[in-house]
Structures are given as C-alpha cells and as structure tokens.
C-alpha atoms as a PDB file:
ATOM      1  CA  MET A   1     -35.935 -13.154  -8.216  1.00  0.00           C
ATOM      2  CA  THR A   2     -34.501 -10.146  -6.408  1.00  0.00           C
ATOM      3  CA  ALA A   3     -31.448 -10.279  -4.228  1.00  0.00           C
ATOM      4  CA  PRO A   4     -31.826  -9.234  -0.602  1.00  0.00           C
ATOM      5  CA  PRO A   5     -30.596  -5.721   0.098  1.00  0.00           C
ATOM      6  CA  ALA A   6     -26.913  -5.680   0.917  1.00  0.00           C
ATOM      7  CA  SER A   7     -25.882  -4.165   4.205  1.00  0.00           C
ATOM      8  CA  PRO A   8     -22.882  -1.880   4.358  1.00  0.00           C
ATOM      9  CA  THR A   9     -19.628  -3.513   5.270  1.00  0.00           C
ATOM     10  CA  THR A  10     -17.620  -2.571   8.305  1.00  0.00           C
ATOM     11  CA  GLY A  11     -14.710  -4.630   7.065  1.00  0.00           C
ATOM     12  CA  ARG A  12     -12.793  -7.046   9.260  1.00  0.00           C
ATOM     13  CA  ILE A  13      -9.920  -7.198  11.704  1.00  0.00           C
ATOM     14  CA  GLU A  14      -7.230  -9.531  10.519  1.00  0.00           C
ATOM     15  CA  GLY A  15      -3.722  -9.890  11.919  1.00  0.00           C
ATOM     16  CA  GLY A  16      -4.175  -6.853  14.164  1.00  0.00           C
ATOM     17  CA  ARG A  17      -5.189  -4.614  11.251  1.00  0.00           C
ATOM     18  CA  HIS A  18      -8.589  -3.381  10.093  1.00  0.00           C
ATOM     19  CA  ILE A  19      -9.313  -4.086   6.426  1.00  0.00           C
ATOM     20  CA  LEU A  20     -12.095  -2.335   4.534  1.00  0.00           C
ATOM     21  CA  PRO A  21     -12.669  -3.421   0.910  1.00  0.00           C
ATOM     22  CA  LEU A  22     -13.802  -0.674  -1.473  1.00  0.00           C
ATOM     23  CA  ARG A  23     -14.708  -0.611  -5.155  1.00  0.00           C
ATOM     24  CA  ILE A  24     -13.583   2.301  -7.321  1.00  0.00           C
ATOM     25  CA  TYR A  25     -16.591   3.963  -8.953  1.00  0.00           C
ATOM     26  CA  TYR A  26     -16.784   6.384 -11.866  1.00  0.00           C
ATOM     27  CA  GLU A  27     -17.401   9.274  -9.449  1.00  0.00           C
ATOM     28  CA  ASP A  28     -14.061   8.508  -7.734  1.00  0.00           C
ATOM     29  CA  THR A  29     -11.974   8.982 -10.865  1.00  0.00           C
ATOM     30  CA  ASP A  30     -10.608  11.736 -13.062  1.00  0.00           C
ATOM     31  CA  ALA A  31     -10.939  11.990 -16.846  1.00  0.00           C
ATOM     32  CA  GLN A  32      -8.364   9.211 -17.297  1.00  0.00           C
ATOM     33  CA  GLY A  33     -10.255   6.753 -15.092  1.00  0.00           C
ATOM     34  CA  ILE A  34      -7.679   7.017 -12.272  1.00  0.00           C
ATOM     35  CA  VAL A  35      -8.689   7.747  -8.674  1.00  0.00           C
ATOM     36  CA  TYR A  36      -8.543  11.505  -8.107  1.00  0.00           C
ATOM     37  CA  TYR A  37      -5.918  12.214  -5.431  1.00  0.00           C
ATOM     38  CA  ALA A  38      -8.269  13.967  -2.962  1.00  0.00           C
ATOM     39  CA  ASN A  39     -10.652  10.998  -2.967  1.00  0.00           C
ATOM     40  CA  TRP A  40      -8.024   8.905  -1.198  1.00  0.00           C
ATOM     41  CA  LEU A  41      -8.621  11.060   1.897  1.00  0.00           C
ATOM     42  CA  ARG A  42     -12.318  10.083   1.805  1.00  0.00           C
ATOM     43  CA  PHE A  43     -11.424   6.404   1.450  1.00  0.00           C
ATOM     44  CA  LEU A  44      -9.010   6.608   4.390  1.00  0.00           C
ATOM     45  CA  GLU A  45     -11.669   8.347   6.491  1.00  0.00           C
ATOM     46  CA  ARG A  46     -14.064   5.480   5.746  1.00  0.00           C
ATOM     47  CA  GLY A  47     -11.418   3.014   6.907  1.00  0.00           C
ATOM     48  CA  ARG A  48     -10.897   4.854  10.220  1.00  0.00           C
ATOM     49  CA  THR A  49     -14.658   5.301  10.735  1.00  0.00           C
ATOM     50  CA  GLU A  50     -15.433   1.621  10.140  1.00  0.00           C
ATOM     51  CA  LEU A  51     -12.572   0.563  12.415  1.00  0.00           C
ATOM     52  CA  LEU A  52     -13.992   2.732  15.221  1.00  0.00           C
ATOM     53  CA  ARG A  53     -17.497   1.384  14.549  1.00  0.00           C
ATOM     54  CA  MET A  54     -16.230  -2.201  14.719  1.00  0.00           C
ATOM     55  CA  LEU A  55     -14.485  -1.472  18.031  1.00  0.00           C
ATOM     56  CA  GLY A  56     -17.684  -0.018  19.534  1.00  0.00           C
ATOM     57  CA  LEU A  57     -16.428   3.568  19.247  1.00  0.00           C
ATOM     58  CA  GLU A  58     -18.896   4.886  16.667  1.00  0.00           C
ATOM     59  CA  HIS A  59     -18.435   8.645  16.127  1.00  0.00           C
ATOM     60  CA  SER A  60     -21.945   9.695  17.134  1.00  0.00           C
ATOM     61  CA  ALA A  61     -22.037   7.478  20.236  1.00  0.00           C
ATOM     62  CA  VAL A  62     -18.652   8.699  21.509  1.00  0.00           C
ATOM     63  CA  ARG A  63     -19.709  12.295  20.889  1.00  0.00           C
ATOM     64  CA  ASP A  64     -23.155  11.907  22.513  1.00  0.00           C
ATOM     65  CA  GLN A  65     -22.151   9.711  25.472  1.00  0.00           C
ATOM     66  CA  ILE A  66     -18.663  10.943  26.315  1.00  0.00           C
ATOM     67  CA  GLY A  67     -18.510  14.381  24.670  1.00  0.00           C
ATOM     68  CA  ILE A  68     -15.453  13.509  22.594  1.00  0.00           C
ATOM     69  CA  ASN A  69     -14.853  14.197  18.898  1.00  0.00           C
ATOM     70  CA  TRP A  70     -12.054  12.702  16.815  1.00  0.00           C
ATOM     71  CA  VAL A  71     -10.176  15.249  14.710  1.00  0.00           C
ATOM     72  CA  VAL A  72      -7.297  14.847  12.294  1.00  0.00           C
ATOM     73  CA  ARG A  73      -4.510  17.180  13.356  1.00  0.00           C
ATOM     74  CA  ARG A  74      -1.914  16.081  10.817  1.00  0.00           C
ATOM     75  CA  CYS A  75      -1.892  13.894   7.715  1.00  0.00           C
ATOM     76  CA  THR A  76       1.104  12.838   5.640  1.00  0.00           C
ATOM     77  CA  ILE A  77       0.196  10.923   2.517  1.00  0.00           C
ATOM     78  CA  ASP A  78       2.298   9.255  -0.173  1.00  0.00           C
ATOM     79  CA  TYR A  79       0.692   8.397  -3.501  1.00  0.00           C
ATOM     80  CA  LEU A  80       2.680   5.450  -4.825  1.00  0.00           C
ATOM     81  CA  LYS A  81       0.603   3.826  -7.570  1.00  0.00           C
ATOM     82  CA  PRO A  82      -2.755   4.578  -9.226  1.00  0.00           C
ATOM     83  CA  ALA A  83      -6.037   2.756  -8.813  1.00  0.00           C
ATOM     84  CA  ARG A  84      -8.502   2.663 -11.680  1.00  0.00           C
ATOM     85  CA  LEU A  85     -12.211   2.508 -12.348  1.00  0.00           C
ATOM     86  CA  ASP A  86     -13.890  -0.778 -11.286  1.00  0.00           C
ATOM     87  CA  GLU A  87     -10.898  -2.060  -9.318  1.00  0.00           C
ATOM     88  CA  THR A  88     -11.262  -3.193  -5.718  1.00  0.00           C
ATOM     89  CA  VAL A  89      -8.852  -1.904  -3.094  1.00  0.00           C
ATOM     90  CA  ASP A  90      -8.415  -2.618   0.604  1.00  0.00           C
ATOM     91  CA  ILE A  91      -8.016   0.221   3.081  1.00  0.00           C
ATOM     92  CA  VAL A  92      -5.800  -1.148   5.863  1.00  0.00           C
ATOM     93  CA  THR A  93      -5.759   0.724   9.174  1.00  0.00           C
ATOM     94  CA  ALA A  94      -3.702   0.309  12.348  1.00  0.00           C
ATOM     95  CA  CYS A  95      -2.800   2.450  15.340  1.00  0.00           C
ATOM     96  CA  GLY A  96       0.708   3.498  16.215  1.00  0.00           C
ATOM     97  CA  GLU A  97       1.541   5.231  19.456  1.00  0.00           C
ATOM     98  CA  ILE A  98      -1.444   5.973  21.712  1.00  0.00           C
ATOM     99  CA  ARG A  99      -0.840   9.015  23.902  1.00  0.00           C
ATOM    100  CA  GLY A 100      -2.930  10.914  26.479  1.00  0.00           C
ATOM    101  CA  ALA A 101      -5.160  12.899  24.088  1.00  0.00           C
ATOM    102  CA  SER A 102      -4.006  11.678  20.666  1.00  0.00           C
ATOM    103  CA  LEU A 103      -2.890   8.690  18.683  1.00  0.00           C
ATOM    104  CA  ASP A 104      -1.073   7.907  15.470  1.00  0.00           C
ATOM    105  CA  MET A 105      -2.988   6.047  12.794  1.00  0.00           C
ATOM    106  CA  ILE A 106      -1.205   4.328   9.951  1.00  0.00           C
ATOM    107  CA  GLN A 107      -3.157   3.518   6.806  1.00  0.00           C
ATOM    108  CA  GLU A 108      -2.501   1.944   3.441  1.00  0.00           C
ATOM    109  CA  ALA A 109      -4.607   1.416   0.368  1.00  0.00           C
ATOM    110  CA  ARG A 110      -3.667  -1.881  -1.261  1.00  0.00           C
ATOM    111  CA  ARG A 111      -4.557  -3.785  -4.372  1.00  0.00           C
ATOM    112  CA  GLY A 112      -3.629  -7.295  -3.335  1.00  0.00           C
ATOM    113  CA  GLU A 113      -0.112  -7.015  -1.953  1.00  0.00           C
ATOM    114  CA  VAL A 114       0.654  -3.810  -3.890  1.00  0.00           C
ATOM    115  CA  VAL A 115       0.632  -0.644  -1.754  1.00  0.00           C
ATOM    116  CA  LEU A 116      -1.012   2.206  -3.663  1.00  0.00           C
ATOM    117  CA  VAL A 117      -1.224   4.901  -0.978  1.00  0.00           C
ATOM    118  CA  ARG A 118       0.375   5.188   2.453  1.00  0.00           C
ATOM    119  CA  ALA A 119      -0.735   7.720   5.089  1.00  0.00           C
ATOM    120  CA  GLU A 120       0.279   8.579   8.635  1.00  0.00           C
ATOM    121  CA  LEU A 121      -2.141  10.632  10.709  1.00  0.00           C
ATOM    122  CA  LEU A 122      -2.153  12.268  14.095  1.00  0.00           C
ATOM    123  CA  VAL A 123      -5.707  12.007  15.448  1.00  0.00           C
ATOM    124  CA  ALA A 124      -6.678  14.013  18.533  1.00  0.00           C
ATOM    125  CA  CYS A 125      -9.551  13.728  20.994  1.00  0.00           C
ATOM    126  CA  MET A 126     -11.351  17.027  21.408  1.00  0.00           C
ATOM    127  CA  ALA A 127     -13.943  17.968  24.008  1.00  0.00           C
ATOM    128  CA  GLU A 128     -17.050  19.879  22.999  1.00  0.00           C
ATOM    129  CA  SER A 129     -15.229  23.032  24.162  1.00  0.00           C
ATOM    130  CA  GLY A 130     -12.669  22.528  21.384  1.00  0.00           C
ATOM    131  CA  ARG A 131      -9.912  21.729  23.884  1.00  0.00           C
ATOM    132  CA  PRO A 132      -7.926  18.471  23.878  1.00  0.00           C
ATOM    133  CA  ALA A 133      -9.468  15.705  25.985  1.00  0.00           C
ATOM    134  CA  ARG A 134      -7.925  12.535  27.351  1.00  0.00           C
ATOM    135  CA  LEU A 135      -8.526   9.424  25.316  1.00  0.00           C
ATOM    136  CA  PRO A 136     -11.234   7.453  27.187  1.00  0.00           C
ATOM    137  CA  SER A 137      -9.930   4.255  28.770  1.00  0.00           C
ATOM    138  CA  GLN A 138     -12.402   2.082  26.824  1.00  0.00           C
ATOM    139  CA  ALA A 139     -11.143   3.644  23.577  1.00  0.00           C
ATOM    140  CA  ARG A 140      -7.506   3.103  24.593  1.00  0.00           C
ATOM    141  CA  SER A 141      -8.114  -0.550  25.337  1.00  0.00           C
ATOM    142  CA  ALA A 142     -10.223  -1.154  22.177  1.00  0.00           C
ATOM    143  CA  LEU A 143      -7.647   0.525  19.924  1.00  0.00           C
ATOM    144  CA  GLY A 144      -4.997  -1.722  21.435  1.00  0.00           C
ATOM    145  CA  ARG A 145      -6.478  -4.526  19.280  1.00  0.00           C
ATOM    146  CA  VAL A 146      -5.057  -2.816  16.175  1.00  0.00           C
ATOM    147  CA  SER A 147      -1.931  -1.252  17.653  1.00  0.00           C
ATOM    148  CA  THR A 148       1.573  -1.404  16.227  1.00  0.00           C
ATOM    149  CA  ALA A 149       2.943   0.311  19.353  1.00  0.00           C
ATOM    150  CA  SER A 150       6.006  -1.919  19.382  1.00  0.00           C
ATOM    151  CA  GLU A 151       7.139  -0.174  16.186  1.00  0.00           C
ATOM    152  CA  SER A 152       8.263   3.444  16.041  1.00  0.00           C
ATOM    153  CA  PRO A 153       5.026   5.274  15.077  1.00  0.00           C
ATOM    154  CA  ARG A 154       6.833   8.398  13.888  1.00  0.00           C
ATOM    155  CA  SER A 155       9.046   6.511  11.448  1.00  0.00           C
ATOM    156  CA  ARG A 156       8.554   7.067   7.719  1.00  0.00           C
ATOM    157  CA  HIS A 157       9.355   3.356   7.312  1.00  0.00           C
ATOM    158  CA  ILE A 158       6.382   1.884   9.150  1.00  0.00           C
ATOM    159  CA  ARG A 159       4.769  -1.005   7.349  1.00  0.00           C
ATOM    160  CA  ILE A 160       1.398  -2.295   8.338  1.00  0.00           C
END
C-alpha cells in the first residue's frame, strides 16, 4: 500500500507566533553533521515565506496584484547552539514594530524549548521601481496577528 503524497506544510500560528517545523537533511549539514551556518538563513526565509502565505500575503500574489516585493534590508543573527542531521527544529517567526514601508521580524530556530538561532531582520516593501513603498493596509492588519509591537522591537533582548 502506498501512502498518499504529502503536501508541503505552511506551519501554524500558535500564541501569536508562526511555527514552521523542519527536518535537518544531509544536504543541510557540514562534514561533522552540523547545520552549516549559511543554511540557517534559508530556513529563516522559509519561515517568513510560509507565514506570509498563511496570512494571504504570498510573495507572487503581492508582487503581481499590488506591485510590492519584500526585501531584507538588515539581518542580525546569533548562532547559539548547533542542530544536527535528522533532528527536527521549529522556525518561530513574529513581527516587531510595523512602520510605513518596513517592519521588524524576529525569528528563532528552536529544538523543543532550546533556542538554537536567533535573528532580527528589517524587512522593507519595495515597489517595482526599486523605491520604498508603503506597507499595504491588508498586509499591516494581517501581520498584526503575529506582532510583538508591545515589546521594544530594536532590543537585543526580545524573546518570542
């Protein structure tokens, strides 16, 4: 008997945070079986992409319908503990301050309650011209579902 094809996961929103489970594959690791540092950026991108998809703000739709692209302007990342081959980690994503044409995104990679990687990003909305564009009102309201705006988004001590 064959199993039905699995559909990709978009994760879930829980407690005002988006959670995307990921498995660590051989291709994600270095010679010691530990996740290669640059691959964490890919994992975090997947977390942000799936959050936007879940909120109805899929990249291609926002670009095609509104003419807006999301771009990372700044990323600060702290590598705290390693993840290894075959482990499962959760990419946890929330929004900090939401401004006119940009927003702060706070992300963690966790194994259970253990924080492995913490990142703070400044994400900007860009028009097709390459100039900053105001965050669409529907995006502002949707992102409010995962906002930690009551906390200081620029603090190095933010916990999601």
